[in-house]
Amino acid sequence: MRVLELSELTVGEVSSVVQLPQSTVSRHLKNLAETGWLTRRLEGTAAYYRLIPDDQPPECRAVWSALRVGLADEVSLQDDRRRAESVVSERRTDSHSFFSRLGGEWDLVRGELFGSQFTPLSLLSLVNPAWRVADIGCGTGNVAEVLCPWVEKVVGVDPLPEMLAAARERLAGVSNAEFHEGSADRLPLKPASIDVVTCVLVLHHAAEPVACIREMSRVLTAERSGGLLVLVDMLPHTREEYRRTMGHRHLGFGEVEVSGWFESAGMKQIRWRELPPERGTKGPGLFVAVGKKE
């Protein structure tokens, strides 16, 4: 209901936002609409649901007014909000409605002809070809695989030999990729030897994230064209089961916290951006933070 107070959505879209089976969502929405909590609108064969307090019966409106106050700061609702915004944005070029929206047809045709990855991949040509990049917690080498064609060198670091073996196999024959065993708080790299450090979905496993950030700063050069630290990780969430099932030490990070770590490590020009969630994904929202060593 909180999501539908913000946006008008179909059954399928609500299912994507709240990450529940469509049959379950459909049953709940039907009951809520029939009892006056929600408004249902038909557009062709699609049914759109919305919570409009002024259209609710007085007794429903009174209950909802009391309930929604306690929901305002729920972390899980912030995840839902981000997914809802992404769903609404995707709808603008959805194949069911592009005929009525200028420009939507070309996006659809272009995707069918060339796919959806060529735009972000081609923009990697903007990357400085002289960069030496260190990917911390490199795992199976997916970051190195993307960056190697565009930079001078990529050095992957990971504490697990199994991950390193998979990364070496993945990039076998790639001359500008190398991999070393090491942890994020004790990197096997010389001071000021790296232009860019990337750290993707790693920091939530670290016992002391700030120590890792300082270690990454240590290996960064302070040259004008480099000295960048790129961190991607999860926004704050409430999925406690991740501690048990995946060994997460932290349930996401906020902007103020991360910016403070960057500053303590000598990073300036700090930028932060929440990443739009991809439709169909089930994890918490993500952010990217970038800082420059000076």
Protein backbone atom coordinates (compact mmCIF):
# COMPACT_ATOMS: atom_id res chain seq x y z
CA MET A 1 0.00 0.00 0.00
CA ARG A 2 2.85 2.40 0.74
CA VAL A 3 4.29 1.69 -2.73
CA LEU A 4 0.92 2.22 -4.39
CA GLU A 5 0.50 5.54 -2.61
CA LEU A 6 3.62 6.68 -4.49
CA SER A 7 2.95 5.14 -7.91
CA GLU A 8 0.15 3.60 -9.96
CA LEU A 9 1.28 0.06 -10.85
CA THR A 10 0.05 -3.14 -12.47
CA VAL A 11 0.03 -6.54 -10.75
CA GLY A 12 3.25 -7.54 -12.50
CA GLU A 13 4.96 -4.28 -11.60
CA VAL A 14 3.96 -4.57 -7.94
CA SER A 15 5.30 -8.13 -7.98
CA SER A 16 8.67 -6.86 -9.26
CA VAL A 17 8.79 -4.09 -6.67
CA VAL A 18 7.90 -6.08 -3.55
CA GLN A 19 9.58 -9.28 -4.82
CA LEU A 20 6.64 -11.62 -4.23
CA PRO A 21 5.00 -14.14 -6.58
CA GLN A 22 2.55 -12.54 -8.99
CA SER A 23 -0.27 -14.85 -7.87
CA THR A 24 0.18 -13.71 -4.27
CA VAL A 25 0.26 -10.05 -5.25
CA SER A 26 -2.80 -10.44 -7.48
CA ARG A 27 -4.82 -11.99 -4.65
CA HIS A 28 -3.89 -9.23 -2.20
CA LEU A 29 -4.59 -6.43 -4.67
CA LYS A 30 -7.98 -7.92 -5.55
CA ASN A 31 -8.99 -8.05 -1.89
CA LEU A 32 -7.71 -4.55 -1.16
CA ALA A 33 -9.52 -3.08 -4.17
CA GLU A 34 -12.80 -4.84 -3.35
CA THR A 35 -12.74 -3.54 0.22
CA GLY A 36 -12.03 0.07 -0.74
CA TRP A 37 -8.39 0.38 0.24
CA LEU A 38 -7.16 0.72 -3.35
CA THR A 39 -8.48 2.21 -6.61
CA ARG A 40 -8.42 0.01 -9.71
CA ARG A 41 -8.23 1.51 -13.22
CA LEU A 42 -8.39 -0.37 -16.53
CA GLU A 43 -6.34 0.63 -19.57
CA GLY A 44 -6.94 -1.82 -22.38
CA THR A 45 -6.27 -5.25 -20.91
CA ALA A 46 -4.09 -3.91 -18.10
CA ALA A 47 -5.35 -3.09 -14.60
CA TYR A 48 -3.58 -0.33 -12.65
CA TYR A 49 -3.79 -0.03 -8.86
CA ARG A 50 -3.29 3.09 -6.77
CA LEU A 51 -3.84 4.12 -3.18
CA ILE A 52 -5.67 7.45 -3.13
CA PRO A 53 -6.65 8.42 0.45
CA ASP A 54 -9.44 10.75 -0.74
CA ASP A 55 -11.10 7.83 -2.56
CA GLN A 56 -11.02 5.50 0.46
CA PRO A 57 -14.03 4.96 2.72
CA PRO A 58 -13.69 7.11 5.88
CA GLU A 59 -12.89 4.15 8.12
CA CYS A 60 -10.11 2.92 5.77
CA ARG A 61 -8.71 6.42 5.45
CA ALA A 62 -8.51 6.80 9.23
CA VAL A 63 -6.70 3.49 9.70
CA TRP A 64 -4.27 4.18 6.87
CA SER A 65 -3.47 7.66 8.19
CA ALA A 66 -2.50 6.11 11.52
CA LEU A 67 -0.46 3.26 10.00
CA ARG A 68 1.56 5.14 7.40
CA VAL A 69 3.27 7.39 9.98
CA GLY A 70 5.17 4.43 11.39
CA LEU A 71 6.25 3.25 7.95
CA ALA A 72 7.97 6.40 6.76
CA ASP A 73 11.53 5.43 7.75
CA GLU A 74 11.46 1.69 7.00
CA VAL A 75 14.67 0.72 5.15
CA SER A 76 12.86 -1.98 3.17
CA LEU A 77 10.41 0.64 1.89
CA GLN A 78 13.31 2.67 0.53
CA ASP A 79 14.34 -0.38 -1.51
CA ASP A 80 10.75 -0.71 -2.73
CA ARG A 81 10.70 2.96 -3.68
CA ARG A 82 13.85 2.62 -5.78
CA ARG A 83 12.49 -0.45 -7.56
CA ALA A 84 9.15 1.29 -8.18
CA GLU A 85 10.92 4.27 -9.75
CA SER A 86 12.86 1.90 -12.00
CA VAL A 87 9.68 0.07 -13.05
CA VAL A 88 7.91 3.32 -13.92
CA SER A 89 10.95 4.50 -15.87
CA GLU A 90 11.07 1.25 -17.86
CA ARG A 91 7.37 1.54 -18.62
CA ARG A 92 8.03 4.67 -20.67
CA THR A 93 9.59 2.53 -23.39
CA ASP A 94 7.70 -0.70 -22.71
CA SER A 95 6.67 -2.62 -25.84
CA HIS A 96 2.99 -2.43 -24.83
CA SER A 97 2.90 1.34 -24.85
CA PHE A 98 5.67 2.63 -27.13
CA PHE A 99 3.25 3.24 -30.00
CA SER A 100 1.78 6.15 -28.07
CA ARG A 101 5.11 7.61 -27.01
CA LEU A 102 7.47 9.33 -29.43
CA GLY A 103 10.91 7.76 -29.55
CA GLY A 104 9.93 4.55 -27.81
CA GLU A 105 9.72 2.60 -31.07
CA TRP A 106 13.34 3.30 -31.97
CA ASP A 107 14.58 2.13 -28.56
CA LEU A 108 12.73 -1.15 -29.04
CA VAL A 109 13.99 -1.70 -32.59
CA ARG A 110 17.55 -0.79 -31.62
CA GLY A 111 17.48 -3.26 -28.75
CA GLU A 112 16.23 -6.04 -31.02
CA LEU A 113 18.96 -5.31 -33.57
CA PHE A 114 21.95 -4.70 -31.33
CA GLY A 115 21.06 -5.66 -27.74
CA SER A 116 21.26 -3.52 -24.60
CA GLN A 117 24.97 -3.67 -23.73
CA PHE A 118 26.65 -1.87 -26.62
CA THR A 119 26.00 1.64 -25.29
CA PRO A 120 27.69 1.25 -21.84
CA LEU A 121 30.47 -0.88 -23.35
CA SER A 122 31.26 1.61 -26.08
CA LEU A 123 31.39 4.43 -23.53
CA LEU A 124 34.33 2.64 -21.91
CA SER A 125 36.36 4.16 -24.74
CA LEU A 126 36.32 7.33 -22.62
CA VAL A 127 38.56 5.56 -20.06
CA ASN A 128 42.22 6.64 -20.00
CA PRO A 129 44.13 3.88 -21.90
CA ALA A 130 47.24 4.48 -19.75
CA TRP A 131 45.51 3.55 -16.50
CA ARG A 132 46.79 0.77 -14.25
CA VAL A 133 43.74 -0.61 -12.44
CA ALA A 134 43.58 -2.76 -9.32
CA ASP A 135 40.35 -4.68 -8.75
CA ILE A 136 40.09 -5.56 -5.06
CA GLY A 137 38.13 -8.70 -4.27
CA CYS A 138 38.26 -9.54 -7.96
CA GLY A 139 36.41 -12.86 -7.61
CA THR A 140 36.16 -14.63 -10.96
CA GLY A 141 37.47 -11.64 -12.92
CA ASN A 142 34.29 -10.04 -14.27
CA VAL A 143 35.56 -6.48 -13.71
CA ALA A 144 38.93 -7.30 -15.27
CA GLU A 145 37.19 -8.82 -18.27
CA VAL A 146 35.31 -5.57 -18.90
CA LEU A 147 38.27 -3.23 -18.34
CA CYS A 148 41.22 -5.08 -19.92
CA PRO A 149 40.43 -4.04 -23.53
CA TRP A 150 40.45 -0.37 -22.52
CA VAL A 151 43.33 0.13 -20.05
CA GLU A 152 47.07 -0.60 -19.84
CA LYS A 153 46.84 -3.17 -17.07
CA VAL A 154 44.40 -4.75 -14.59
CA VAL A 155 45.65 -6.35 -11.38
CA GLY A 156 43.12 -8.52 -9.59
CA VAL A 157 43.48 -9.24 -5.87
CA ASP A 158 41.44 -11.81 -3.95
CA PRO A 159 42.01 -13.86 -0.76
CA LEU A 160 40.57 -17.09 -2.20
CA PRO A 161 42.75 -19.30 -4.43
CA GLU A 162 39.61 -20.82 -5.97
CA MET A 163 38.41 -17.41 -7.15
CA LEU A 164 41.83 -16.55 -8.53
CA ALA A 165 41.98 -19.83 -10.45
CA ALA A 166 38.59 -19.07 -12.02
CA ALA A 167 39.71 -15.53 -12.91
CA ARG A 168 42.92 -16.76 -14.53
CA GLU A 169 40.97 -19.28 -16.56
CA ARG A 170 38.44 -16.65 -17.58
CA LEU A 171 41.14 -14.29 -18.86
CA ALA A 172 43.56 -16.90 -20.19
CA GLY A 173 45.50 -15.36 -23.04
CA VAL A 174 44.77 -11.77 -21.98
CA SER A 175 48.22 -10.23 -21.70
CA ASN A 176 47.37 -7.20 -19.55
CA ALA A 177 45.62 -9.05 -16.71
CA GLU A 178 47.33 -10.51 -13.66
CA PHE A 179 46.01 -11.87 -10.39
CA HIS A 180 47.46 -12.06 -6.88
CA GLU A 181 46.36 -13.50 -3.57
CA GLY A 182 45.75 -10.89 -0.87
CA SER A 183 43.14 -9.23 1.34
CA ALA A 184 41.59 -5.80 1.05
CA ASP A 185 43.24 -4.60 4.27
CA ARG A 186 46.72 -5.85 3.24
CA LEU A 187 47.22 -5.47 -0.49
CA PRO A 188 50.25 -7.04 -2.22
CA LEU A 189 50.86 -3.80 -4.12
CA LYS A 190 53.45 -1.04 -3.84
CA PRO A 191 52.51 2.45 -2.64
CA ALA A 192 51.36 4.87 -5.37
CA SER A 193 51.58 2.14 -8.03
CA ILE A 194 47.94 2.17 -9.20
CA ASP A 195 45.89 4.79 -11.07
CA VAL A 196 42.42 3.43 -10.28
CA VAL A 197 41.18 1.04 -7.60
CA THR A 198 37.82 -0.70 -8.03
CA CYS A 199 36.07 -2.55 -5.22
CA VAL A 200 32.75 -4.11 -6.21
CA LEU A 201 30.50 -5.83 -3.65
CA VAL A 202 33.39 -6.62 -1.31
CA LEU A 203 33.38 -4.13 1.57
CA HIS A 204 30.33 -5.62 3.33
CA HIS A 205 32.49 -8.70 4.02
CA ALA A 206 35.27 -6.68 5.68
CA ALA A 207 35.71 -6.58 9.45
CA GLU A 208 36.98 -2.96 9.29
CA PRO A 209 35.87 -1.24 6.08
CA VAL A 210 37.69 2.00 6.89
CA ALA A 211 41.00 0.12 7.15
CA CYS A 212 40.39 -1.33 3.68
CA ILE A 213 39.65 2.11 2.23
CA ARG A 214 42.90 3.48 3.69
CA GLU A 215 44.86 0.54 2.27
CA MET A 216 43.34 1.15 -1.17
CA SER A 217 44.31 4.81 -0.89
CA ARG A 218 47.88 3.78 -0.03
CA VAL A 219 48.40 2.06 -3.38
CA LEU A 220 46.83 4.89 -5.39
CA THR A 221 48.90 7.47 -7.22
CA ALA A 222 48.00 11.13 -6.77
CA GLU A 223 48.55 12.02 -10.41
CA ARG A 224 46.08 14.37 -12.05
CA SER A 225 44.68 11.76 -14.46
CA GLY A 226 44.32 9.01 -11.86
CA GLY A 227 44.13 8.50 -8.12
CA LEU A 228 40.52 7.30 -8.28
CA LEU A 229 38.81 4.89 -5.90
CA VAL A 230 35.55 3.40 -7.20
CA LEU A 231 33.44 1.59 -4.62
CA VAL A 232 30.23 -0.31 -5.41
CA ASP A 233 28.24 -1.87 -2.60
CA MET A 234 24.80 -2.26 -1.06
CA LEU A 235 22.65 0.47 0.40
CA PRO A 236 21.44 -0.07 3.99
CA HIS A 237 18.95 -2.95 4.22
CA THR A 238 17.34 -5.27 6.78
CA ARG A 239 18.12 -8.72 5.36
CA GLU A 240 19.68 -10.27 8.44
CA GLU A 241 19.75 -13.70 6.79
CA TYR A 242 22.66 -12.50 4.62
CA ARG A 243 24.88 -12.72 7.69
CA ARG A 244 24.16 -16.45 7.98
CA THR A 245 23.83 -17.47 4.35
CA MET A 246 26.59 -15.38 2.73
CA GLY A 247 28.85 -14.26 5.55
CA HIS A 248 28.02 -10.57 5.33
CA ARG A 249 29.41 -8.54 8.23
CA HIS A 250 27.51 -5.36 7.34
CA LEU A 251 23.98 -4.77 6.08
CA GLY A 252 24.87 -2.08 3.59
CA PHE A 253 26.34 1.40 3.95
CA GLY A 254 25.02 4.96 3.84
CA GLU A 255 26.42 8.01 2.10
CA VAL A 256 27.57 9.84 5.24
CA GLU A 257 29.40 6.76 6.53
CA VAL A 258 31.20 6.03 3.26
CA SER A 259 32.10 9.68 2.66
CA GLY A 260 33.66 9.80 6.13
CA TRP A 261 35.83 6.78 5.34
CA PHE A 262 36.95 8.34 2.07
CA GLU A 263 37.87 11.60 3.76
CA SER A 264 39.83 9.82 6.51
CA ALA A 265 41.84 8.09 3.75
CA GLY A 266 42.76 11.38 2.08
CA MET A 267 40.17 11.19 -0.69
CA LYS A 268 38.59 14.37 -2.06
CA GLN A 269 36.02 15.25 -4.73
CA ILE A 270 33.79 12.49 -3.38
CA ARG A 271 30.77 11.59 -5.49
CA TRP A 272 27.89 9.30 -4.52
CA ARG A 273 25.05 7.93 -6.60
CA GLU A 274 22.38 5.30 -6.06
CA LEU A 275 22.28 2.87 -8.98
CA PRO A 276 18.89 2.18 -10.59
CA PRO A 277 17.83 -1.40 -9.85
CA GLU A 278 17.42 -3.77 -12.75
CA ARG A 279 13.97 -5.23 -13.15
CA GLY A 280 13.75 -8.81 -11.93
CA THR A 281 16.67 -8.56 -9.48
CA LYS A 282 16.06 -9.56 -5.86
CA GLY A 283 18.92 -7.99 -3.94
CA PRO A 284 19.07 -4.68 -2.03
CA GLY A 285 19.73 -1.42 -3.81
CA LEU A 286 23.30 -0.54 -4.81
CA PHE A 287 25.40 2.64 -4.80
CA VAL A 288 28.63 3.78 -6.41
CA ALA A 289 31.00 6.09 -4.55
CA VAL A 290 34.03 7.70 -6.21
CA GLY A 291 36.84 9.59 -4.51
CA LYS A 292 40.10 11.13 -5.78
CA LYS A 293 43.38 10.97 -3.91
CA GLU A 294 45.11 14.33 -3.57
